Amino acid sequence: MSTVTRVCPGTTQDPRETTTGPPVEAARAARGYVIAVLQRIVEVLDGRRPCEHLSPLVTVEVFEEIAVALRKRECEVARAPVRGPAVRLRRVHLQMVSARAANYFGTVERDVRARAVAGRVELRTVRSPGRPAVERWMLTEFGIL
């Protein structure tokens, strides 16, 4: 970890002003992961990808939230099919909380309508049957407005 110390000219250094930030590599990896997963979520909600593609990438709670949103969308589409351009991921911003967690926010759009997305991603140890435990990013919170 790198340490950044802020000192104003003409003042003495205060040890309480020292902050520790996460490595740049962790921020890049987290942002890349968030973009990839959000793109998949958008495709699932748009009906271009099956919901099961999300299960290894998100927590069980997030998967259930998306499944509920998908069922709601399917009910609405059954009454009035959605036509027009596909939903696109526009912007994604990331704020690292620590080297193992980050909050993200961004926008998705369909035609001229934009919606906000936000949530959290964390570096977690994932265990799969018959495989060794691996540390990887997981989407732990997701919201779309």
N, C-alpha and C. Protein backbone atom coordinates (compact mmCIF):
# COMPACT_ATOMS: atom_id res chain seq x y z
N MET A 1 0.84 -1.18 0.00
CA MET A 1 0.00 0.00 0.00
C MET A 1 0.87 1.24 0.00
N SER A 2 0.38 2.26 -0.64
CA SER A 2 1.13 3.50 -0.67
C SER A 2 0.57 4.45 0.37
N THR A 3 1.43 5.29 0.90
CA THR A 3 1.02 6.27 1.89
C THR A 3 1.17 7.65 1.29
N VAL A 4 0.11 8.44 1.40
CA VAL A 4 0.12 9.80 0.89
C VAL A 4 0.03 10.73 2.08
N THR A 5 0.92 11.67 2.14
CA THR A 5 0.92 12.63 3.24
C THR A 5 0.69 14.02 2.66
N ARG A 6 -0.30 14.70 3.22
CA ARG A 6 -0.59 16.06 2.77
C ARG A 6 -0.03 17.06 3.78
N VAL A 7 0.80 17.98 3.30
CA VAL A 7 1.35 19.01 4.16
C VAL A 7 1.19 20.35 3.44
N CYS A 8 0.59 21.30 4.11
CA CYS A 8 0.43 22.64 3.53
C CYS A 8 1.73 23.42 3.72
N PRO A 9 2.09 24.25 2.76
CA PRO A 9 3.30 25.05 2.91
C PRO A 9 3.22 25.91 4.17
N GLY A 10 4.31 25.97 4.89
CA GLY A 10 4.38 26.81 6.08
C GLY A 10 3.82 26.16 7.33
N THR A 11 3.41 24.88 7.24
CA THR A 11 2.89 24.19 8.42
C THR A 11 3.74 22.96 8.69
N THR A 12 3.61 22.43 9.89
CA THR A 12 4.33 21.21 10.22
C THR A 12 3.47 20.01 9.86
N GLN A 13 4.10 18.89 9.64
CA GLN A 13 3.39 17.68 9.25
C GLN A 13 2.63 17.11 10.43
N ASP A 14 1.35 16.82 10.23
CA ASP A 14 0.50 16.23 11.26
C ASP A 14 0.31 14.75 10.93
N PRO A 15 0.71 13.83 11.80
CA PRO A 15 0.59 12.41 11.49
C PRO A 15 -0.85 11.95 11.29
N ARG A 16 -1.83 12.68 11.80
CA ARG A 16 -3.23 12.31 11.60
C ARG A 16 -3.69 12.54 10.18
N GLU A 17 -2.94 13.33 9.39
CA GLU A 17 -3.32 13.62 8.01
C GLU A 17 -2.80 12.58 7.03
N THR A 18 -2.14 11.56 7.50
CA THR A 18 -1.63 10.51 6.63
C THR A 18 -2.77 9.57 6.28
N THR A 19 -2.97 9.32 4.97
CA THR A 19 -4.02 8.41 4.53
C THR A 19 -3.40 7.29 3.73
N THR A 20 -3.99 6.15 3.82
CA THR A 20 -3.52 5.01 3.08
C THR A 20 -4.54 4.67 2.02
N GLY A 21 -4.11 4.55 0.78
CA GLY A 21 -5.01 4.25 -0.32
C GLY A 21 -4.78 2.86 -0.87
N PRO A 22 -5.79 2.29 -1.54
CA PRO A 22 -5.64 0.97 -2.12
C PRO A 22 -4.73 1.01 -3.34
N PRO A 23 -4.12 -0.10 -3.68
CA PRO A 23 -3.26 -0.13 -4.85
C PRO A 23 -4.06 0.15 -6.13
N VAL A 24 -3.39 0.74 -7.07
CA VAL A 24 -4.01 1.08 -8.35
C VAL A 24 -4.48 -0.19 -9.06
N GLU A 25 -3.73 -1.28 -8.93
CA GLU A 25 -4.10 -2.53 -9.59
C GLU A 25 -5.45 -3.04 -9.10
N ALA A 26 -5.72 -2.91 -7.81
CA ALA A 26 -7.00 -3.35 -7.26
C ALA A 26 -8.14 -2.52 -7.83
N ALA A 27 -7.93 -1.22 -7.96
CA ALA A 27 -8.96 -0.34 -8.52
C ALA A 27 -9.23 -0.68 -9.98
N ARG A 28 -8.18 -0.93 -10.74
CA ARG A 28 -8.37 -1.30 -12.16
C ARG A 28 -9.11 -2.62 -12.29
N ALA A 29 -8.71 -3.60 -11.48
CA ALA A 29 -9.36 -4.91 -11.54
C ALA A 29 -10.84 -4.81 -11.13
N ALA A 30 -11.12 -4.05 -10.09
CA ALA A 30 -12.50 -3.88 -9.63
C ALA A 30 -13.34 -3.19 -10.69
N ARG A 31 -12.82 -2.14 -11.30
CA ARG A 31 -13.58 -1.41 -12.32
C ARG A 31 -13.84 -2.29 -13.54
N GLY A 32 -12.83 -3.03 -13.97
CA GLY A 32 -13.03 -3.93 -15.10
C GLY A 32 -14.08 -4.99 -14.81
N TYR A 33 -14.06 -5.51 -13.60
CA TYR A 33 -15.04 -6.51 -13.20
C TYR A 33 -16.44 -5.90 -13.17
N VAL A 34 -16.58 -4.72 -12.59
CA VAL A 34 -17.89 -4.07 -12.50
C VAL A 34 -18.45 -3.82 -13.90
N ILE A 35 -17.64 -3.32 -14.81
CA ILE A 35 -18.12 -3.06 -16.17
C ILE A 35 -18.60 -4.35 -16.82
N ALA A 36 -17.82 -5.43 -16.71
CA ALA A 36 -18.20 -6.70 -17.32
C ALA A 36 -19.50 -7.24 -16.74
N VAL A 37 -19.65 -7.19 -15.42
CA VAL A 37 -20.84 -7.73 -14.78
C VAL A 37 -22.05 -6.84 -15.08
N LEU A 38 -21.90 -5.54 -15.03
CA LEU A 38 -23.03 -4.66 -15.34
C LEU A 38 -23.49 -4.84 -16.78
N GLN A 39 -22.56 -5.06 -17.69
CA GLN A 39 -22.94 -5.31 -19.08
C GLN A 39 -23.78 -6.58 -19.18
N ARG A 40 -23.39 -7.62 -18.45
CA ARG A 40 -24.18 -8.85 -18.44
C ARG A 40 -25.55 -8.64 -17.81
N ILE A 41 -25.60 -7.88 -16.71
CA ILE A 41 -26.89 -7.62 -16.06
C ILE A 41 -27.82 -6.88 -17.02
N VAL A 42 -27.30 -5.89 -17.72
CA VAL A 42 -28.10 -5.14 -18.69
C VAL A 42 -28.63 -6.08 -19.77
N GLU A 43 -27.78 -6.97 -20.24
CA GLU A 43 -28.21 -7.92 -21.27
C GLU A 43 -29.27 -8.88 -20.74
N VAL A 44 -29.16 -9.30 -19.48
CA VAL A 44 -30.17 -10.17 -18.87
C VAL A 44 -31.50 -9.42 -18.75
N LEU A 45 -31.45 -8.21 -18.23
CA LEU A 45 -32.68 -7.43 -18.05
C LEU A 45 -33.32 -7.05 -19.38
N ASP A 46 -32.51 -6.99 -20.42
CA ASP A 46 -33.01 -6.66 -21.76
C ASP A 46 -33.51 -7.90 -22.51
N GLY A 47 -33.30 -9.08 -21.92
CA GLY A 47 -33.76 -10.31 -22.55
C GLY A 47 -32.80 -10.88 -23.58
N ARG A 48 -31.58 -10.39 -23.63
CA ARG A 48 -30.60 -10.88 -24.61
C ARG A 48 -29.69 -11.96 -24.04
N ARG A 49 -29.79 -12.26 -22.76
CA ARG A 49 -28.92 -13.25 -22.12
C ARG A 49 -29.73 -13.92 -21.00
N PRO A 50 -29.53 -15.24 -20.80
CA PRO A 50 -30.25 -15.90 -19.70
C PRO A 50 -29.74 -15.47 -18.33
N CYS A 51 -30.62 -15.46 -17.37
CA CYS A 51 -30.30 -15.02 -16.01
C CYS A 51 -29.23 -15.89 -15.36
N GLU A 52 -29.14 -17.16 -15.73
CA GLU A 52 -28.18 -18.08 -15.13
C GLU A 52 -26.74 -17.67 -15.38
N HIS A 53 -26.49 -16.85 -16.39
CA HIS A 53 -25.13 -16.39 -16.67
C HIS A 53 -24.57 -15.50 -15.55
N LEU A 54 -25.44 -15.00 -14.69
CA LEU A 54 -25.01 -14.10 -13.62
C LEU A 54 -24.63 -14.83 -12.33
N SER A 55 -25.10 -16.05 -12.16
CA SER A 55 -24.95 -16.72 -10.86
C SER A 55 -23.51 -16.84 -10.37
N PRO A 56 -22.49 -17.09 -11.20
CA PRO A 56 -21.14 -17.16 -10.63
C PRO A 56 -20.50 -15.79 -10.38
N LEU A 57 -21.15 -14.72 -10.81
CA LEU A 57 -20.55 -13.39 -10.75
C LEU A 57 -21.08 -12.50 -9.64
N VAL A 58 -22.24 -12.86 -9.11
CA VAL A 58 -22.90 -12.03 -8.10
C VAL A 58 -23.28 -12.89 -6.90
N THR A 59 -23.56 -12.25 -5.78
CA THR A 59 -24.00 -12.98 -4.59
C THR A 59 -25.43 -13.49 -4.80
N VAL A 60 -25.84 -14.41 -3.95
CA VAL A 60 -27.18 -14.99 -4.05
C VAL A 60 -28.24 -13.89 -3.91
N GLU A 61 -28.03 -12.94 -3.01
CA GLU A 61 -29.00 -11.86 -2.79
C GLU A 61 -29.16 -11.00 -4.05
N VAL A 62 -28.06 -10.66 -4.69
CA VAL A 62 -28.13 -9.86 -5.92
C VAL A 62 -28.81 -10.66 -7.03
N PHE A 63 -28.49 -11.94 -7.13
CA PHE A 63 -29.11 -12.79 -8.14
C PHE A 63 -30.62 -12.81 -7.96
N GLU A 64 -31.09 -12.94 -6.72
CA GLU A 64 -32.53 -12.96 -6.46
C GLU A 64 -33.18 -11.63 -6.82
N GLU A 65 -32.52 -10.50 -6.52
CA GLU A 65 -33.06 -9.18 -6.87
C GLU A 65 -33.22 -9.06 -8.39
N ILE A 66 -32.22 -9.51 -9.12
CA ILE A 66 -32.27 -9.43 -10.58
C ILE A 66 -33.34 -10.36 -11.13
N ALA A 67 -33.48 -11.55 -10.54
CA ALA A 67 -34.52 -12.48 -10.98
C ALA A 67 -35.91 -11.88 -10.78
N VAL A 68 -36.12 -11.19 -9.66
CA VAL A 68 -37.40 -10.53 -9.41
C VAL A 68 -37.64 -9.43 -10.45
N ALA A 69 -36.63 -8.62 -10.72
CA ALA A 69 -36.75 -7.56 -11.73
C ALA A 69 -37.03 -8.15 -13.11
N LEU A 70 -36.41 -9.29 -13.39
CA LEU A 70 -36.61 -9.95 -14.68
C LEU A 70 -38.04 -10.48 -14.81
N ARG A 71 -38.56 -11.07 -13.74
CA ARG A 71 -39.95 -11.55 -13.77
C ARG A 71 -40.92 -10.38 -13.97
N LYS A 72 -40.63 -9.26 -13.31
CA LYS A 72 -41.48 -8.08 -13.47
C LYS A 72 -41.44 -7.58 -14.91
N ARG A 73 -40.23 -7.55 -15.48
CA ARG A 73 -40.09 -7.10 -16.87
C ARG A 73 -40.82 -8.04 -17.82
N GLU A 74 -40.74 -9.36 -17.57
CA GLU A 74 -41.41 -10.32 -18.44
C GLU A 74 -42.92 -10.15 -18.39
N CYS A 75 -43.47 -9.83 -17.21
CA CYS A 75 -44.90 -9.57 -17.10
C CYS A 75 -45.30 -8.33 -17.89
N GLU A 76 -44.48 -7.28 -17.80
CA GLU A 76 -44.76 -6.05 -18.53
C GLU A 76 -44.63 -6.25 -20.03
N VAL A 77 -43.63 -7.01 -20.45
CA VAL A 77 -43.40 -7.26 -21.88
C VAL A 77 -44.53 -8.11 -22.45
N ALA A 78 -45.07 -9.03 -21.64
CA ALA A 78 -46.17 -9.86 -22.11
C ALA A 78 -47.39 -9.01 -22.42
N ARG A 79 -47.58 -7.92 -21.67
CA ARG A 79 -48.71 -7.03 -21.92
C ARG A 79 -48.43 -6.05 -23.06
N ALA A 80 -47.20 -5.52 -23.10
CA ALA A 80 -46.83 -4.54 -24.13
C ALA A 80 -45.36 -4.75 -24.48
N PRO A 81 -45.07 -5.50 -25.54
CA PRO A 81 -43.67 -5.79 -25.88
C PRO A 81 -42.82 -4.54 -26.05
N VAL A 82 -41.59 -4.62 -25.54
CA VAL A 82 -40.65 -3.51 -25.66
C VAL A 82 -39.97 -3.61 -27.03
N ARG A 83 -40.02 -2.54 -27.76
CA ARG A 83 -39.36 -2.50 -29.06
C ARG A 83 -38.43 -1.30 -29.08
N GLY A 84 -37.47 -1.34 -29.95
CA GLY A 84 -36.56 -0.22 -30.07
C GLY A 84 -35.15 -0.63 -29.74
N PRO A 85 -34.31 0.34 -29.49
CA PRO A 85 -32.90 0.05 -29.24
C PRO A 85 -32.69 -0.70 -27.93
N ALA A 86 -31.62 -1.44 -27.88
CA ALA A 86 -31.26 -2.19 -26.67
C ALA A 86 -30.73 -1.25 -25.59
N VAL A 87 -30.79 -1.72 -24.36
CA VAL A 87 -30.24 -0.97 -23.23
C VAL A 87 -28.72 -1.01 -23.33
N ARG A 88 -28.08 0.15 -23.09
CA ARG A 88 -26.62 0.24 -23.16
C ARG A 88 -26.08 0.75 -21.83
N LEU A 89 -24.93 0.21 -21.46
CA LEU A 89 -24.20 0.72 -20.31
C LEU A 89 -23.44 1.95 -20.77
N ARG A 90 -23.68 3.10 -20.15
CA ARG A 90 -23.06 4.35 -20.59
C ARG A 90 -21.80 4.70 -19.81
N ARG A 91 -21.95 4.86 -18.50
CA ARG A 91 -20.83 5.31 -17.68
C ARG A 91 -20.75 4.46 -16.42
N VAL A 92 -19.52 4.26 -15.95
CA VAL A 92 -19.31 3.56 -14.70
C VAL A 92 -18.20 4.28 -13.95
N HIS A 93 -18.46 4.62 -12.71
CA HIS A 93 -17.47 5.25 -11.84
C HIS A 93 -17.30 4.36 -10.61
N LEU A 94 -16.10 4.38 -10.07
CA LEU A 94 -15.78 3.50 -8.95
C LEU A 94 -15.10 4.30 -7.86
N GLN A 95 -15.49 4.06 -6.62
CA GLN A 95 -14.85 4.68 -5.47
C GLN A 95 -14.37 3.57 -4.57
N MET A 96 -13.05 3.40 -4.48
CA MET A 96 -12.48 2.35 -3.64
C MET A 96 -12.71 2.70 -2.17
N VAL A 97 -13.23 1.76 -1.41
CA VAL A 97 -13.42 1.91 0.02
C VAL A 97 -12.20 1.38 0.75
N SER A 98 -11.66 0.28 0.21
CA SER A 98 -10.44 -0.34 0.71
C SER A 98 -9.84 -1.11 -0.46
N ALA A 99 -8.77 -1.82 -0.23
CA ALA A 99 -8.17 -2.62 -1.29
C ALA A 99 -9.05 -3.83 -1.63
N ARG A 100 -10.06 -4.12 -0.81
CA ARG A 100 -10.92 -5.28 -1.02
C ARG A 100 -12.38 -4.94 -1.27
N ALA A 101 -12.72 -3.66 -1.36
CA ALA A 101 -14.12 -3.28 -1.56
C ALA A 101 -14.20 -1.94 -2.27
N ALA A 102 -15.26 -1.78 -3.08
CA ALA A 102 -15.47 -0.52 -3.79
C ALA A 102 -16.96 -0.31 -4.02
N ASN A 103 -17.37 0.93 -4.04
CA ASN A 103 -18.73 1.31 -4.41
C ASN A 103 -18.68 1.79 -5.85
N TYR A 104 -19.71 1.45 -6.63
CA TYR A 104 -19.76 1.88 -8.02
C TYR A 104 -21.08 2.59 -8.27
N PHE A 105 -21.09 3.41 -9.30
CA PHE A 105 -22.31 4.04 -9.76
C PHE A 105 -22.13 4.36 -11.24
N GLY A 106 -23.23 4.46 -11.93
CA GLY A 106 -23.14 4.73 -13.36
C GLY A 106 -24.51 4.92 -13.95
N THR A 107 -24.57 4.91 -15.28
CA THR A 107 -25.83 5.09 -15.99
C THR A 107 -25.98 4.06 -17.10
N VAL A 108 -27.23 3.68 -17.34
CA VAL A 108 -27.59 2.87 -18.48
C VAL A 108 -28.65 3.66 -19.23
N GLU A 109 -28.75 3.42 -20.54
CA GLU A 109 -29.76 4.16 -21.30
C GLU A 109 -30.37 3.29 -22.37
N ARG A 110 -31.61 3.59 -22.67
CA ARG A 110 -32.34 3.03 -23.80
C ARG A 110 -32.91 4.23 -24.54
N ASP A 111 -32.48 4.38 -25.77
CA ASP A 111 -32.89 5.52 -26.59
C ASP A 111 -32.51 6.81 -25.88
N VAL A 112 -33.46 7.63 -25.42
CA VAL A 112 -33.11 8.88 -24.75
C VAL A 112 -33.32 8.81 -23.24
N ARG A 113 -33.84 7.70 -22.74
CA ARG A 113 -34.09 7.57 -21.31
C ARG A 113 -32.87 6.98 -20.61
N ALA A 114 -32.43 7.64 -19.54
CA ALA A 114 -31.28 7.18 -18.77
C ALA A 114 -31.74 6.76 -17.38
N ARG A 115 -31.08 5.72 -16.85
CA ARG A 115 -31.36 5.26 -15.49
C ARG A 115 -30.04 5.11 -14.76
N ALA A 116 -30.08 5.27 -13.45
CA ALA A 116 -28.88 5.16 -12.63
C ALA A 116 -28.74 3.73 -12.10
N VAL A 117 -27.49 3.28 -12.01
CA VAL A 117 -27.18 2.01 -11.36
C VAL A 117 -26.14 2.30 -10.28
N ALA A 118 -26.20 1.54 -9.21
CA ALA A 118 -25.24 1.72 -8.12
C ALA A 118 -25.16 0.45 -7.31
N GLY A 119 -24.06 0.30 -6.59
CA GLY A 119 -23.91 -0.87 -5.74
C GLY A 119 -22.52 -0.99 -5.18
N ARG A 120 -22.15 -2.23 -4.86
CA ARG A 120 -20.87 -2.50 -4.21
C ARG A 120 -20.27 -3.77 -4.80
N VAL A 121 -18.95 -3.79 -4.86
CA VAL A 121 -18.19 -4.95 -5.30
C VAL A 121 -17.13 -5.22 -4.24
N GLU A 122 -16.91 -6.52 -3.94
CA GLU A 122 -15.94 -6.89 -2.91
C GLU A 122 -15.07 -8.04 -3.39
N LEU A 123 -13.84 -8.04 -2.94
CA LEU A 123 -12.92 -9.14 -3.22
C LEU A 123 -13.21 -10.22 -2.18
N ARG A 124 -13.65 -11.40 -2.64
CA ARG A 124 -14.05 -12.46 -1.73
C ARG A 124 -13.37 -13.77 -2.09
N THR A 125 -13.28 -14.64 -1.11
CA THR A 125 -12.78 -15.99 -1.34
C THR A 125 -13.96 -16.84 -1.76
N VAL A 126 -13.87 -17.42 -2.97
CA VAL A 126 -14.96 -18.21 -3.53
C VAL A 126 -14.52 -19.67 -3.56
N ARG A 127 -15.38 -20.52 -3.02
CA ARG A 127 -15.11 -21.96 -3.00
C ARG A 127 -16.10 -22.67 -3.91
N SER A 128 -15.58 -23.47 -4.82
CA SER A 128 -16.41 -24.27 -5.70
C SER A 128 -16.14 -25.74 -5.40
N PRO A 129 -17.15 -26.60 -5.49
CA PRO A 129 -16.93 -28.02 -5.23
C PRO A 129 -15.88 -28.61 -6.18
N GLY A 130 -14.92 -29.29 -5.60
CA GLY A 130 -13.89 -29.94 -6.40
C GLY A 130 -12.80 -29.03 -6.90
N ARG A 131 -12.82 -27.76 -6.51
CA ARG A 131 -11.81 -26.80 -6.95
C ARG A 131 -11.22 -26.09 -5.74
N PRO A 132 -9.99 -25.61 -5.87
CA PRO A 132 -9.41 -24.86 -4.76
C PRO A 132 -10.08 -23.49 -4.61
N ALA A 133 -10.05 -22.95 -3.40
CA ALA A 133 -10.62 -21.63 -3.13
C ALA A 133 -9.84 -20.58 -3.91
N VAL A 134 -10.56 -19.60 -4.45
CA VAL A 134 -9.96 -18.54 -5.27
C VAL A 134 -10.49 -17.20 -4.79
N GLU A 135 -9.64 -16.20 -4.74
CA GLU A 135 -10.09 -14.84 -4.42
C GLU A 135 -10.44 -14.13 -5.72
N ARG A 136 -11.67 -13.59 -5.77
CA ARG A 136 -12.07 -12.83 -6.95
C ARG A 136 -13.15 -11.82 -6.56
N TRP A 137 -13.37 -10.88 -7.43
CA TRP A 137 -14.36 -9.85 -7.19
C TRP A 137 -15.75 -10.45 -7.32
N MET A 138 -16.67 -9.99 -6.47
CA MET A 138 -18.07 -10.40 -6.51
C MET A 138 -18.93 -9.16 -6.35
N LEU A 139 -19.99 -9.06 -7.14
CA LEU A 139 -20.94 -7.97 -7.00
C LEU A 139 -21.83 -8.31 -5.80
N THR A 140 -21.79 -7.50 -4.76
CA THR A 140 -22.51 -7.81 -3.53
C THR A 140 -23.77 -6.94 -3.36
N GLU A 141 -23.84 -5.84 -4.07
CA GLU A 141 -25.04 -4.98 -4.02
C GLU A 141 -25.29 -4.44 -5.41
N PHE A 142 -26.58 -4.34 -5.77
CA PHE A 142 -26.96 -3.81 -7.08
C PHE A 142 -28.29 -3.08 -6.95
N GLY A 143 -28.37 -1.93 -7.56
CA GLY A 143 -29.61 -1.18 -7.59
C GLY A 143 -29.72 -0.43 -8.90
N ILE A 144 -30.95 -0.36 -9.41
CA ILE A 144 -31.20 0.41 -10.63
C ILE A 144 -32.42 1.29 -10.39
N LEU A 145 -32.30 2.54 -10.72
CA LEU A 145 -33.40 3.51 -10.48
C LEU A 145 -34.04 3.91 -11.79
